[in-house]
Structure formats: C-alpha cells, structure tokens
C-alpha atoms as a PDB file:
ATOM      1  CA  MET A   1      19.582  20.048 -31.055  1.00  0.00           C
ATOM      2  CA  ASN A   2      20.615  17.896 -33.980  1.00  0.00           C
ATOM      3  CA  PHE A   3      18.921  19.967 -36.699  1.00  0.00           C
ATOM      4  CA  LYS A   4      20.429  20.430 -40.156  1.00  0.00           C
ATOM      5  CA  GLU A   5      20.485  23.699 -42.074  1.00  0.00           C
ATOM      6  CA  ILE A   6      18.443  23.950 -45.260  1.00  0.00           C
ATOM      7  CA  GLY A   7      19.739  26.462 -47.796  1.00  0.00           C
ATOM      8  CA  ASN A   8      21.107  29.865 -46.844  1.00  0.00           C
ATOM      9  CA  ASN A   9      18.065  31.514 -45.297  1.00  0.00           C
ATOM     10  CA  GLY A  10      18.531  30.193 -41.770  1.00  0.00           C
ATOM     11  CA  LEU A  11      16.003  27.388 -42.081  1.00  0.00           C
ATOM     12  CA  VAL A  12      16.671  24.208 -40.103  1.00  0.00           C
ATOM     13  CA  GLU A  13      14.960  20.839 -40.173  1.00  0.00           C
ATOM     14  CA  GLY A  14      15.051  17.722 -38.038  1.00  0.00           C
ATOM     15  CA  TYR A  15      13.344  15.263 -35.756  1.00  0.00           C
ATOM     16  CA  ALA A  16      12.475  15.807 -32.126  1.00  0.00           C
ATOM     17  CA  VAL A  17      10.300  14.618 -29.274  1.00  0.00           C
ATOM     18  CA  ILE A  18       7.699  17.009 -27.903  1.00  0.00           C
ATOM     19  CA  LYS A  19       8.631  17.337 -24.252  1.00  0.00           C
ATOM     20  CA  GLN A  20       5.999  19.934 -23.459  1.00  0.00           C
ATOM     21  CA  CYS A  21       3.087  21.328 -25.453  1.00  0.00           C
ATOM     22  CA  ASP A  22       0.615  24.028 -24.427  1.00  0.00           C
ATOM     23  CA  LYS A  23      -2.041  25.740 -26.520  1.00  0.00           C
ATOM     24  CA  LYS A  24      -2.186  29.463 -25.766  1.00  0.00           C
ATOM     25  CA  MET A  25      -3.775  32.638 -27.099  1.00  0.00           C
ATOM     26  CA  ALA A  26      -1.717  35.484 -28.567  1.00  0.00           C
ATOM     27  CA  LYS A  27      -2.564  39.159 -28.014  1.00  0.00           C
ATOM     28  CA  ASN A  28      -4.167  39.277 -31.458  1.00  0.00           C
ATOM     29  CA  GLY A  29      -6.598  36.545 -30.419  1.00  0.00           C
ATOM     30  CA  ASN A  30      -5.019  33.788 -32.513  1.00  0.00           C
ATOM     31  CA  ALA A  31      -4.047  30.473 -31.001  1.00  0.00           C
ATOM     32  CA  TYR A  32      -0.445  29.266 -30.903  1.00  0.00           C
ATOM     33  CA  LEU A  33       1.464  26.277 -29.549  1.00  0.00           C
ATOM     34  CA  ASP A  34       4.159  26.847 -26.952  1.00  0.00           C
ATOM     35  CA  LEU A  35       6.463  23.825 -27.051  1.00  0.00           C
ATOM     36  CA  VAL A  36       9.683  22.378 -25.712  1.00  0.00           C
ATOM     37  CA  LEU A  37      11.346  20.028 -28.203  1.00  0.00           C
ATOM     38  CA  SER A  38      14.121  17.627 -27.260  1.00  0.00           C
ATOM     39  CA  ASP A  39      16.551  15.063 -28.609  1.00  0.00           C
ATOM     40  CA  LYS A  40      19.657  13.360 -27.225  1.00  0.00           C
ATOM     41  CA  GLU A  41      21.697  16.551 -27.604  1.00  0.00           C
ATOM     42  CA  GLY A  42      19.402  18.834 -25.633  1.00  0.00           C
ATOM     43  CA  GLU A  43      16.177  20.786 -25.914  1.00  0.00           C
ATOM     44  CA  ILE A  44      14.845  23.981 -27.441  1.00  0.00           C
ATOM     45  CA  PHE A  45      11.845  26.250 -26.901  1.00  0.00           C
ATOM     46  CA  ALA A  46       9.576  26.462 -29.931  1.00  0.00           C
ATOM     47  CA  LYS A  47       6.498  28.356 -31.101  1.00  0.00           C
ATOM     48  CA  LEU A  48       3.928  27.465 -33.735  1.00  0.00           C
ATOM     49  CA  TRP A  49       2.083  30.717 -34.423  1.00  0.00           C
ATOM     50  CA  ASP A  50      -1.450  30.988 -35.835  1.00  0.00           C
ATOM     51  CA  TYR A  51      -2.122  27.410 -34.845  1.00  0.00           C
ATOM     52  CA  ASN A  52      -5.099  25.669 -36.416  1.00  0.00           C
ATOM     53  CA  GLU A  53      -5.780  22.089 -35.376  1.00  0.00           C
ATOM     54  CA  VAL A  54      -7.513  21.249 -38.644  1.00  0.00           C
ATOM     55  CA  SER A  55      -4.629  22.335 -40.872  1.00  0.00           C
ATOM     56  CA  HIS A  56      -1.680  21.683 -38.547  1.00  0.00           C
ATOM     57  CA  GLY A  57      -2.887  18.576 -36.714  1.00  0.00           C
ATOM     58  CA  LYS A  58      -3.118  17.835 -33.009  1.00  0.00           C
ATOM     59  CA  TYR A  59       0.045  17.681 -30.907  1.00  0.00           C
ATOM     60  CA  GLU A  60       0.829  16.722 -27.339  1.00  0.00           C
ATOM     61  CA  ALA A  61       3.728  15.755 -25.098  1.00  0.00           C
ATOM     62  CA  ASP A  62       5.681  12.581 -25.989  1.00  0.00           C
ATOM     63  CA  MET A  63       4.911  12.770 -29.704  1.00  0.00           C
ATOM     64  CA  PHE A  64       7.780  12.160 -32.132  1.00  0.00           C
ATOM     65  CA  VAL A  65       7.715  14.829 -34.848  1.00  0.00           C
ATOM     66  CA  LYS A  66       9.546  16.283 -37.813  1.00  0.00           C
ATOM     67  CA  VAL A  67       9.893  20.070 -37.743  1.00  0.00           C
ATOM     68  CA  ARG A  68      11.172  22.863 -39.949  1.00  0.00           C
ATOM     69  CA  GLY A  69      11.688  26.456 -38.945  1.00  0.00           C
ATOM     70  CA  GLN A  70      14.059  29.287 -38.057  1.00  0.00           C
ATOM     71  CA  ILE A  71      16.085  29.593 -34.865  1.00  0.00           C
ATOM     72  CA  SER A  72      16.453  32.984 -33.217  1.00  0.00           C
ATOM     73  CA  GLN A  73      17.375  34.328 -29.792  1.00  0.00           C
ATOM     74  CA  TYR A  74      14.691  35.188 -27.251  1.00  0.00           C
ATOM     75  CA  ASN A  75      15.529  36.190 -23.661  1.00  0.00           C
ATOM     76  CA  GLY A  76      19.007  34.742 -24.064  1.00  0.00           C
ATOM     77  CA  HIS A  77      17.826  31.338 -25.292  1.00  0.00           C
ATOM     78  CA  ASP A  78      17.465  29.718 -28.701  1.00  0.00           C
ATOM     79  CA  GLN A  79      13.880  29.557 -29.893  1.00  0.00           C
ATOM     80  CA  LEU A  80      12.527  27.768 -32.946  1.00  0.00           C
ATOM     81  CA  ARG A  81       9.794  29.477 -34.941  1.00  0.00           C
ATOM     82  CA  ILE A  82       8.063  26.485 -36.502  1.00  0.00           C
ATOM     83  CA  GLU A  83       6.999  26.742 -40.127  1.00  0.00           C
ATOM     84  CA  ARG A  84       6.129  23.079 -40.659  1.00  0.00           C
ATOM     85  CA  ILE A  85       5.447  20.222 -38.259  1.00  0.00           C
ATOM     86  CA  ARG A  86       4.056  16.727 -38.615  1.00  0.00           C
ATOM     87  CA  PRO A  87       4.228  13.372 -36.807  1.00  0.00           C
ATOM     88  CA  VAL A  88       7.040  11.046 -37.847  1.00  0.00           C
ATOM     89  CA  ILE A  89       5.924   8.399 -40.332  1.00  0.00           C
ATOM     90  CA  GLU A  90       7.368   5.013 -41.255  1.00  0.00           C
ATOM     91  CA  ASP A  91       8.786   6.333 -44.535  1.00  0.00           C
ATOM     92  CA  ASP A  92      11.027   8.735 -42.582  1.00  0.00           C
ATOM     93  CA  ASN A  93      13.077   5.659 -41.667  1.00  0.00           C
ATOM     94  CA  VAL A  94      14.216   7.066 -38.321  1.00  0.00           C
ATOM     95  CA  ASP A  95      14.545   5.260 -34.996  1.00  0.00           C
ATOM     96  CA  ILE A  96      13.069   7.050 -32.002  1.00  0.00           C
ATOM     97  CA  SER A  97      15.811   5.598 -29.777  1.00  0.00           C
ATOM     98  CA  ASP A  98      18.251   7.875 -31.655  1.00  0.00           C
ATOM     99  CA  TYR A  99      16.334  10.917 -30.388  1.00  0.00           C
ATOM    100  CA  VAL A 100      15.556  10.054 -26.771  1.00  0.00           C
ATOM    101  CA  LYS A 101      17.846   8.934 -23.989  1.00  0.00           C
ATOM    102  CA  SER A 102      17.938   5.148 -24.283  1.00  0.00           C
ATOM    103  CA  ALA A 103      19.589   2.062 -22.826  1.00  0.00           C
ATOM    104  CA  ASP A 104      23.000   1.004 -24.095  1.00  0.00           C
ATOM    105  CA  TYR A 105      21.481  -2.121 -25.688  1.00  0.00           C
ATOM    106  CA  SER A 106      18.367  -2.706 -27.786  1.00  0.00           C
ATOM    107  CA  GLY A 107      15.228  -3.950 -26.113  1.00  0.00           C
ATOM    108  CA  GLU A 108      15.128  -7.006 -28.371  1.00  0.00           C
ATOM    109  CA  ASP A 109      18.693  -8.017 -27.520  1.00  0.00           C
ATOM    110  CA  MET A 110      18.133  -7.722 -23.779  1.00  0.00           C
ATOM    111  CA  PHE A 111      14.771  -9.472 -23.908  1.00  0.00           C
ATOM    112  CA  ASN A 112      16.142 -12.364 -25.962  1.00  0.00           C
ATOM    113  CA  HIS A 113      19.062 -12.694 -23.549  1.00  0.00           C
ATOM    114  CA  LEU A 114      16.680 -13.087 -20.605  1.00  0.00           C
ATOM    115  CA  VAL A 115      14.529 -15.584 -22.504  1.00  0.00           C
ATOM    116  CA  SER A 116      17.578 -17.708 -23.327  1.00  0.00           C
ATOM    117  CA  LEU A 117      18.575 -17.797 -19.650  1.00  0.00           C
ATOM    118  CA  VAL A 118      15.091 -18.849 -18.586  1.00  0.00           C
ATOM    119  CA  ASN A 119      14.873 -21.514 -21.287  1.00  0.00           C
ATOM    120  CA  ALA A 120      17.930 -23.166 -19.727  1.00  0.00           C
ATOM    121  CA  PHE A 121      16.341 -23.440 -16.259  1.00  0.00           C
ATOM    122  CA  LYS A 122      16.156 -26.921 -14.773  1.00  0.00           C
ATOM    123  CA  ASP A 123      13.275 -25.926 -12.498  1.00  0.00           C
ATOM    124  CA  GLU A 124      10.235 -26.373 -14.737  1.00  0.00           C
ATOM    125  CA  ASP A 125       7.915 -24.340 -12.492  1.00  0.00           C
ATOM    126  CA  LEU A 126      10.195 -21.312 -12.543  1.00  0.00           C
ATOM    127  CA  LYS A 127      10.761 -21.722 -16.263  1.00  0.00           C
ATOM    128  CA  LYS A 128       7.011 -21.809 -16.949  1.00  0.00           C
ATOM    129  CA  ILE A 129       6.004 -18.822 -14.857  1.00  0.00           C
ATOM    130  CA  VAL A 130       8.866 -16.509 -15.850  1.00  0.00           C
ATOM    131  CA  SER A 131       8.520 -17.404 -19.535  1.00  0.00           C
ATOM    132  CA  TYR A 132       4.769 -16.831 -19.372  1.00  0.00           C
ATOM    133  CA  LEU A 133       5.033 -13.401 -17.740  1.00  0.00           C
ATOM    134  CA  LEU A 134       7.784 -12.286 -20.098  1.00  0.00           C
ATOM    135  CA  LYS A 135       5.715 -13.306 -23.097  1.00  0.00           C
ATOM    136  CA  GLU A 136       2.511 -11.722 -21.768  1.00  0.00           C
ATOM    137  CA  ASN A 137       4.206  -8.378 -21.148  1.00  0.00           C
ATOM    138  CA  LYS A 138       6.732  -8.395 -24.000  1.00  0.00           C
ATOM    139  CA  GLU A 139       5.262  -5.491 -25.979  1.00  0.00           C
ATOM    140  CA  LYS A 140       5.761  -3.042 -23.107  1.00  0.00           C
ATOM    141  CA  ILE A 141       8.875  -4.645 -21.628  1.00  0.00           C
ATOM    142  CA  LEU A 142      10.749  -3.972 -24.871  1.00  0.00           C
ATOM    143  CA  TYR A 143      10.730  -0.187 -24.443  1.00  0.00           C
ATOM    144  CA  PHE A 144       9.399   0.812 -20.991  1.00  0.00           C
ATOM    145  CA  PRO A 145      11.529   2.835 -18.558  1.00  0.00           C
ATOM    146  CA  ALA A 146      12.270   1.621 -15.037  1.00  0.00           C
ATOM    147  CA  ALA A 147      11.177   4.851 -13.390  1.00  0.00           C
ATOM    148  CA  PHE A 148       9.245   8.079 -13.817  1.00  0.00           C
ATOM    149  CA  ARG A 149      12.293   9.944 -12.524  1.00  0.00           C
ATOM    150  CA  LEU A 150      15.668   8.922 -11.087  1.00  0.00           C
ATOM    151  CA  HIS A 151      17.318   5.618 -12.034  1.00  0.00           C
ATOM    152  CA  HIS A 152      16.854   4.153 -15.512  1.00  0.00           C
ATOM    153  CA  ALA A 153      14.112   6.647 -16.413  1.00  0.00           C
ATOM    154  CA  ILE A 154      15.014   6.150 -20.076  1.00  0.00           C
ATOM    155  CA  ARG A 155      13.733   4.231 -23.071  1.00  0.00           C
ATOM    156  CA  CYS A 156      14.346   0.481 -22.482  1.00  0.00           C
ATOM    157  CA  GLY A 157      15.425   1.381 -18.957  1.00  0.00           C
ATOM    158  CA  LEU A 158      13.315  -1.397 -17.417  1.00  0.00           C
ATOM    159  CA  LEU A 159      15.164  -4.067 -19.395  1.00  0.00           C
ATOM    160  CA  MET A 160      18.534  -2.426 -18.776  1.00  0.00           C
ATOM    161  CA  HIS A 161      17.918  -2.390 -15.016  1.00  0.00           C
ATOM    162  CA  THR A 162      16.583  -5.947 -15.026  1.00  0.00           C
ATOM    163  CA  THR A 163      19.385  -7.346 -17.190  1.00  0.00           C
ATOM    164  CA  SER A 164      22.010  -5.578 -15.067  1.00  0.00           C
ATOM    165  CA  ILE A 165      20.652  -7.174 -11.897  1.00  0.00           C
ATOM    166  CA  VAL A 166      20.466 -10.593 -13.529  1.00  0.00           C
ATOM    167  CA  LYS A 167      24.168 -10.380 -14.435  1.00  0.00           C
ATOM    168  CA  LEU A 168      24.961  -9.304 -10.872  1.00  0.00           C
ATOM    169  CA  CYS A 169      22.929 -12.279  -9.602  1.00  0.00           C
ATOM    170  CA  GLU A 170      24.988 -14.677 -11.678  1.00  0.00           C
ATOM    171  CA  GLY A 171      28.204 -13.196 -10.321  1.00  0.00           C
ATOM    172  CA  VAL A 172      26.974 -13.552  -6.746  1.00  0.00           C
ATOM    173  CA  CYS A 173      26.057 -17.194  -7.357  1.00  0.00           C
ATOM    174  CA  LYS A 174      29.602 -17.942  -8.515  1.00  0.00           C
ATOM    175  CA  VAL A 175      30.940 -16.625  -5.205  1.00  0.00           C
ATOM    176  CA  TYR A 176      28.177 -18.242  -3.127  1.00  0.00           C
ATOM    177  CA  PRO A 177      27.287 -21.504  -4.921  1.00  0.00           C
ATOM    178  CA  PHE A 178      24.728 -22.431  -2.233  1.00  0.00           C
ATOM    179  CA  VAL A 179      22.407 -19.629  -3.442  1.00  0.00           C
ATOM    180  CA  ASN A 180      19.412 -20.863  -5.453  1.00  0.00           C
ATOM    181  CA  ARG A 181      20.494 -19.313  -8.744  1.00  0.00           C
ATOM    182  CA  GLU A 182      17.302 -19.958 -10.699  1.00  0.00           C
ATOM    183  CA  LEU A 183      15.104 -18.569  -7.930  1.00  0.00           C
ATOM    184  CA  LEU A 184      17.298 -15.471  -7.585  1.00  0.00           C
ATOM    185  CA  VAL A 185      17.384 -14.859 -11.344  1.00  0.00           C
ATOM    186  CA  SER A 186      13.621 -15.420 -11.566  1.00  0.00           C
ATOM    187  CA  GLY A 187      13.007 -12.856  -8.848  1.00  0.00           C
ATOM    188  CA  ALA A 188      15.326 -10.406 -10.591  1.00  0.00           C
ATOM    189  CA  ILE A 189      13.506 -10.779 -13.918  1.00  0.00           C
ATOM    190  CA  LEU A 190      10.070 -10.366 -12.335  1.00  0.00           C
ATOM    191  CA  HIS A 191      10.750  -7.864  -9.549  1.00  0.00           C
ATOM    192  CA  ASP A 192       9.732  -4.784 -11.590  1.00  0.00           C
ATOM    193  CA  ILE A 193       7.504  -6.405 -14.205  1.00  0.00           C
ATOM    194  CA  ALA A 194       4.410  -4.537 -12.998  1.00  0.00           C
ATOM    195  CA  LYS A 195       6.021  -1.238 -13.947  1.00  0.00           C
ATOM    196  CA  THR A 196       4.449  -2.029 -17.311  1.00  0.00           C
ATOM    197  CA  VAL A 197       1.150  -1.234 -15.564  1.00  0.00           C
ATOM    198  CA  GLU A 198       2.403   1.402 -13.111  1.00  0.00           C
ATOM    199  CA  PHE A 199       3.498   4.084 -15.603  1.00  0.00           C
ATOM    200  CA  ASP A 200       1.861   6.105 -18.352  1.00  0.00           C
ATOM    201  CA  VAL A 201       4.315   5.726 -21.226  1.00  0.00           C
ATOM    202  CA  GLY A 202       3.991   6.963 -24.801  1.00  0.00           C
ATOM    203  CA  GLU A 203       5.844   5.949 -27.949  1.00  0.00           C
ATOM    204  CA  THR A 204       8.984   7.690 -26.701  1.00  0.00           C
ATOM    205  CA  GLY A 205       9.458   5.104 -23.961  1.00  0.00           C
ATOM    206  CA  ILE A 206       9.593   7.862 -21.344  1.00  0.00           C
ATOM    207  CA  ALA A 207       7.084   7.904 -18.477  1.00  0.00           C
ATOM    208  CA  SER A 208       4.847  10.965 -18.279  1.00  0.00           C
ATOM    209  CA  GLY A 209       3.329   9.946 -14.952  1.00  0.00           C
ATOM    210  CA  TYR A 210       1.602   7.165 -13.052  1.00  0.00           C
ATOM    211  CA  THR A 211      -1.535   5.248 -13.964  1.00  0.00           C
ATOM    212  CA  VAL A 212      -4.455   5.022 -11.544  1.00  0.00           C
ATOM    213  CA  GLU A 213      -3.314   1.499 -10.601  1.00  0.00           C
ATOM    214  CA  GLY A 214       0.221   2.762 -10.206  1.00  0.00           C
ATOM    215  CA  ASN A 215      -0.870   5.418  -7.741  1.00  0.00           C
ATOM    216  CA  LEU A 216      -3.364   3.292  -5.800  1.00  0.00           C
ATOM    217  CA  ILE A 217      -1.556  -0.063  -5.695  1.00  0.00           C
ATOM    218  CA  GLY A 218       2.026   0.241  -6.963  1.00  0.00           C
ATOM    219  CA  HIS A 219       4.293  -2.142  -8.846  1.00  0.00           C
ATOM    220  CA  LEU A 220       5.338  -4.279  -5.865  1.00  0.00           C
ATOM    221  CA  VAL A 221       1.827  -5.395  -4.992  1.00  0.00           C
ATOM    222  CA  MET A 222       0.705  -5.560  -8.614  1.00  0.00           C
ATOM    223  CA  GLY A 223       3.754  -7.662  -9.463  1.00  0.00           C
ATOM    224  CA  ALA A 224       2.918 -10.142  -6.717  1.00  0.00           C
ATOM    225  CA  MET A 225      -0.664 -10.270  -7.982  1.00  0.00           C
ATOM    226  CA  MET A 226       0.567 -11.013 -11.503  1.00  0.00           C
ATOM    227  CA  VAL A 227       2.713 -13.871 -10.208  1.00  0.00           C
ATOM    228  CA  LYS A 228      -0.136 -15.307  -8.144  1.00  0.00           C
ATOM    229  CA  GLU A 229      -2.579 -15.235 -11.070  1.00  0.00           C
ATOM    230  CA  ALA A 230      -0.038 -16.761 -13.470  1.00  0.00           C
ATOM    231  CA  ALA A 231       0.908 -19.480 -10.976  1.00  0.00           C
ATOM    232  CA  LYS A 232      -2.729 -20.435 -10.543  1.00  0.00           C
ATOM    233  CA  LYS A 233      -3.283 -20.564 -14.298  1.00  0.00           C
ATOM    234  CA  LEU A 234      -0.125 -22.640 -14.874  1.00  0.00           C
ATOM    235  CA  ALA A 235      -0.609 -24.911 -11.832  1.00  0.00           C
ATOM    236  CA  ILE A 236       2.729 -23.824 -10.357  1.00  0.00           C
ATOM    237  CA  ASP A 237       3.837 -25.155  -6.975  1.00  0.00           C
ATOM    238  CA  ASN A 238       2.307 -22.893  -4.308  1.00  0.00           C
ATOM    239  CA  GLU A 239       5.509 -22.463  -2.308  1.00  0.00           C
ATOM    240  CA  LYS A 240       7.478 -21.308  -5.355  1.00  0.00           C
ATOM    241  CA  SER A 241       4.726 -18.849  -6.162  1.00  0.00           C
ATOM    242  CA  MET A 242       4.901 -17.535  -2.603  1.00  0.00           C
ATOM    243  CA  LEU A 243       8.674 -17.205  -2.738  1.00  0.00           C
ATOM    244  CA  LEU A 244       8.492 -15.137  -5.925  1.00  0.00           C
ATOM    245  CA  GLN A 245       5.693 -12.985  -4.538  1.00  0.00           C
ATOM    246  CA  HIS A 246       7.700 -12.352  -1.380  1.00  0.00           C
ATOM    247  CA  MET A 247      10.779 -11.363  -3.400  1.00  0.00           C
ATOM    248  CA  ILE A 248       8.694  -8.819  -5.312  1.00  0.00           C
ATOM    249  CA  ILE A 249       6.923  -7.233  -2.345  1.00  0.00           C
ATOM    250  CA  SER A 250      10.118  -7.081  -0.257  1.00  0.00           C
ATOM    251  CA  HIS A 251      12.691  -5.949  -2.811  1.00  0.00           C
ATOM    252  CA  HIS A 252      12.596  -2.311  -1.675  1.00  0.00           C
ATOM    253  CA  GLY A 253      14.074  -3.556   1.574  1.00  0.00           C
ATOM    254  CA  GLU A 254      12.361  -1.341   4.144  1.00  0.00           C
ATOM    255  CA  PRO A 255       8.730  -0.285   4.632  1.00  0.00           C
ATOM    256  CA  GLU A 256       9.787   3.376   4.475  1.00  0.00           C
ATOM    257  CA  PHE A 257      10.951   2.720   0.902  1.00  0.00           C
ATOM    258  CA  GLY A 258       7.734   0.954  -0.106  1.00  0.00           C
ATOM    259  CA  ALA A 259       8.412  -2.670   0.843  1.00  0.00           C
ATOM    260  CA  ALA A 260       5.339  -4.480   2.133  1.00  0.00           C
ATOM    261  CA  VAL A 261       7.607  -6.696   4.256  1.00  0.00           C
ATOM    262  CA  ARG A 262      11.348  -6.967   4.771  1.00  0.00           C
ATOM    263  CA  PRO A 263      13.181  -9.779   2.916  1.00  0.00           C
ATOM    264  CA  LEU A 264      12.854 -13.018   4.885  1.00  0.00           C
ATOM    265  CA  PHE A 265      15.072 -15.488   3.013  1.00  0.00           C
ATOM    266  CA  LEU A 266      18.515 -15.256   1.437  1.00  0.00           C
ATOM    267  CA  GLU A 267      17.571 -14.831  -2.227  1.00  0.00           C
ATOM    268  CA  ALA A 268      15.040 -12.139  -1.331  1.00  0.00           C
ATOM    269  CA  GLU A 269      17.682 -10.233   0.629  1.00  0.00           C
ATOM    270  CA  LEU A 270      20.200 -10.563  -2.202  1.00  0.00           C
ATOM    271  CA  LEU A 271      17.670  -9.270  -4.726  1.00  0.00           C
ATOM    272  CA  SER A 272      16.916  -6.267  -2.528  1.00  0.00           C
ATOM    273  CA  GLN A 273      20.613  -5.450  -2.117  1.00  0.00           C
ATOM    274  CA  LEU A 274      21.401  -5.870  -5.812  1.00  0.00           C
ATOM    275  CA  ASP A 275      18.376  -3.797  -6.839  1.00  0.00           C
ATOM    276  CA  SER A 276      19.548  -0.970  -4.589  1.00  0.00           C
ATOM    277  CA  MET A 277      23.121  -1.318  -5.830  1.00  0.00           C
ATOM    278  CA  ASP A 278      22.186  -1.117  -9.499  1.00  0.00           C
ATOM    279  CA  ALA A 279      19.948   1.909  -8.928  1.00  0.00           C
ATOM    280  CA  THR A 280      22.721   3.665  -6.991  1.00  0.00           C
ATOM    281  CA  VAL A 281      25.391   2.924  -9.597  1.00  0.00           C
ATOM    282  CA  TYR A 282      23.130   4.273 -12.342  1.00  0.00           C
ATOM    283  CA  GLU A 283      22.325   7.457 -10.397  1.00  0.00           C
ATOM    284  CA  ILE A 284      26.012   8.218  -9.837  1.00  0.00           C
ATOM    285  CA  MET A 285      27.036   7.192 -13.370  1.00  0.00           C
ATOM    286  CA  ASP A 286      24.324   9.360 -14.929  1.00  0.00           C
ATOM    287  CA  ALA A 287      25.244  12.369 -12.793  1.00  0.00           C
ATOM    288  CA  VAL A 288      29.016  12.264 -13.342  1.00  0.00           C
ATOM    289  CA  SER A 289      28.561  11.757 -17.091  1.00  0.00           C
ATOM    290  CA  ASN A 290      27.201  15.318 -17.213  1.00  0.00           C
ATOM    291  CA  VAL A 291      30.287  16.962 -15.671  1.00  0.00           C
ATOM    292  CA  GLN A 292      33.912  17.257 -16.700  1.00  0.00           C
ATOM    293  CA  GLN A 293      36.878  15.532 -15.080  1.00  0.00           C
ATOM    294  CA  GLY A 294      37.796  17.357 -11.882  1.00  0.00           C
ATOM    295  CA  GLU A 295      34.251  18.636 -11.278  1.00  0.00           C
ATOM    296  CA  PHE A 296      31.486  17.745  -8.832  1.00  0.00           C
ATOM    297  CA  THR A 297      27.922  16.880  -9.786  1.00  0.00           C
ATOM    298  CA  ASN A 298      24.894  18.714  -8.475  1.00  0.00           C
ATOM    299  CA  ARG A 299      23.531  17.389  -5.198  1.00  0.00           C
ATOM    300  CA  LEU A 300      21.591  14.136  -5.631  1.00  0.00           C
ATOM    301  CA  TRP A 301      18.707  14.212  -3.180  1.00  0.00           C
ATOM    302  CA  ALA A 302      18.029  10.486  -3.665  1.00  0.00           C
ATOM    303  CA  LEU A 303      21.564   9.753  -2.437  1.00  0.00           C
ATOM    304  CA  ASN A 304      21.493  11.732   0.808  1.00  0.00           C
ATOM    305  CA  ASP A 305      21.910  15.028  -1.013  1.00  0.00           C
ATOM    306  CA  ARG A 306      25.550  14.271  -1.846  1.00  0.00           C
ATOM    307  CA  LYS A 307      27.668  15.720  -4.652  1.00  0.00           C
ATOM    308  CA  PHE A 308      29.869  13.238  -6.497  1.00  0.00           C
ATOM    309  CA  TYR A 309      33.343  13.915  -7.871  1.00  0.00           C
ATOM    310  CA  ARG A 310      34.431  12.849 -11.342  1.00  0.00           C
ATOM    311  CA  TYR A 311      38.106  11.999 -11.046  1.00  0.00           C
ATOM    312  CA  ASN A 312      38.624  10.521 -14.554  1.00  0.00           C
ATOM    313  CA  ASP A 313      37.232  10.605 -18.066  1.00  0.00           C
ATOM    314  CA  ALA A 314      36.427   6.902 -18.338  1.00  0.00           C
ATOM    315  CA  THR A 315      33.602   5.832 -20.651  1.00  0.00           C
ATOM    316  CA  LEU A 316      30.533   5.241 -18.504  1.00  0.00           C
ATOM    317  CA  LYS A 317      28.855   2.302 -20.166  1.00  0.00           C
ATOM    318  CA  VAL A 318      27.482  -0.884 -18.636  1.00  0.00           C
ATOM    319  CA  ASP A 319      28.465  -4.389 -19.765  1.00  0.00           C
ATOM    320  CA  ILE A 320      25.409  -6.569 -19.252  1.00  0.00           C
ATOM    321  CA  LEU A 321      25.271  -8.875 -22.284  1.00  0.00           C
END
C-alpha cells in the first residue's frame, strides 16, 4: 500500500479504495468495521474499532477514502488499525485512477479519439447513430470497465477494449480494402455499449456485480435494442440498423458463449474474431505482468486452464492512440 509515515510513532496516512466492508460486533458488544483496503500497489486488511455511524460516517465497498492509522502484524499479515477515516473530497486533489487499476490512456482521450473517427465518416447514417449513442452514454463510457471479471475489468476498461478493437479494425481494412471500414468500426464502437447498463459500477470504475437488466437480458440484446431505438428516432436506414444489431448480438461468436446468432456477414465475423483476440491478448498480458521472466502464470480457466510462460521482461503496454 502506498501509505506515507507520519512522525515517529508508526502512524501512516494515505488514500485507498474500500474493496470490502463488513459491520461486525466485538466480544465487548461494540460495533466495528472489518475492511479490505486497496490501491494499485496491493491491499491490506483494516479494522475500525468502536464504530459509530453518526460520528464516523457510513462506509461501503467501492468508496474512495482517506485513512490514518497504525500497521501491525496479525496472523502473518499486515493489518491497519484505523484511527481516522473519511471519504475523499475535491480539495484532496487526488485522482482515483491513481489508486485503482486503470487503462493505459485517459477516458477523455480515448473517447475523443473515437468521436473524431466517427466525425470523419462518409456514411451519414452510421455517423448519426454512432455519434448519438456515444453522446447519450458518454458519462458512463468514460470510466466503465469492460467486464465484472476477466478481460479489461479495470477503470476505463470498456474504452480501452473498444479503442483497441477499432485500431485492429483499421489494420484489417488496410490488408483487406474490400471490407466496409465504417460499418466494421461502427460495430466495434457499439458492440459493448450496453455494458453501461449491464454492470453495477461505483465511482471507482470497477464493477461490483450485474444489474437486474444485466442478469435478465445481457449486453448483447440490450445493445441491439439501443441501436434499434436510436435508429428509429434518427430515421436511420433500416438495413443499416439491422446490420449493426446483428453485429452486436453475434459478436460472441457461438451460442455457447452468449451469441444470439452466429455472425452472418463478413464485418460481423471480423468483429467477433477481433473481439475475441483483444480479450485473449489482455488476459495473457495481464497474467504474465504479474510474474517474473522465466516463470509461468497461474492457470487461466478462461483460456482452457493453461499456464503461460513469460520469456522476456518487455513492457506490456498497448498502443491504441
């Protein structure tokens, strides 16, 4: 944890995200908070003894807080005995992205990059519908993750995943110039847009679970519904609306992976393949970044339970802008 020492009495102070928070009762009958605090460097168990909601405030998972206390050893692990805690305020002048795992680029930079690409479209229908949906969902798009777990389950992960695929799309179109570039890029930008409705996400930009709609309907179907409603409102050509809807509901490739149908035209198939590729690259990259050169990762169940070998110490950073 990136805490700084205060004085010579063992006190430390810093900012952290509450990863877990449970109110419990001590043997003396007083309430206390049992917490797990985290930042980019790791996590620590913490206790706030003699907890009183009126004087201390109310705390829950995903809150960004400032804490002060003393670190000691308990059962072989560091534990923070909290003396002071409060929510982060604007005057603290700290950026939450410095304390949670985040994309390599800012949400604003990635969003503006996508908008500039769309603004250059020659197809007015695609320009209208993609611009509209980006604008309507901008607030959440700027910081939402792309997953609850697994690939891009980080702050701004949705934009990182989307922008990565868009760059891959543009590379593919240079090799295969007969591909409808604007349709493919449009599908890439919109394929996961309904994740802004699928996940419960707090100020940290990390998903804590699924919404009711996310559980009952899912982002593929909801994304197609969003496109259909926007197309109707904007008087978009019906076939183009259908093509975009199909790309969204088929981008998982196979029904066993959640696709409503398999991809049935070239750009839909390319989107599905590139989506899978980007997710796979991220999974491997994330896993090997946590081991040293010459070591294997833990088994990744999402990738056929394989262990991956890190053969070099190269910097694992994407280049998407």
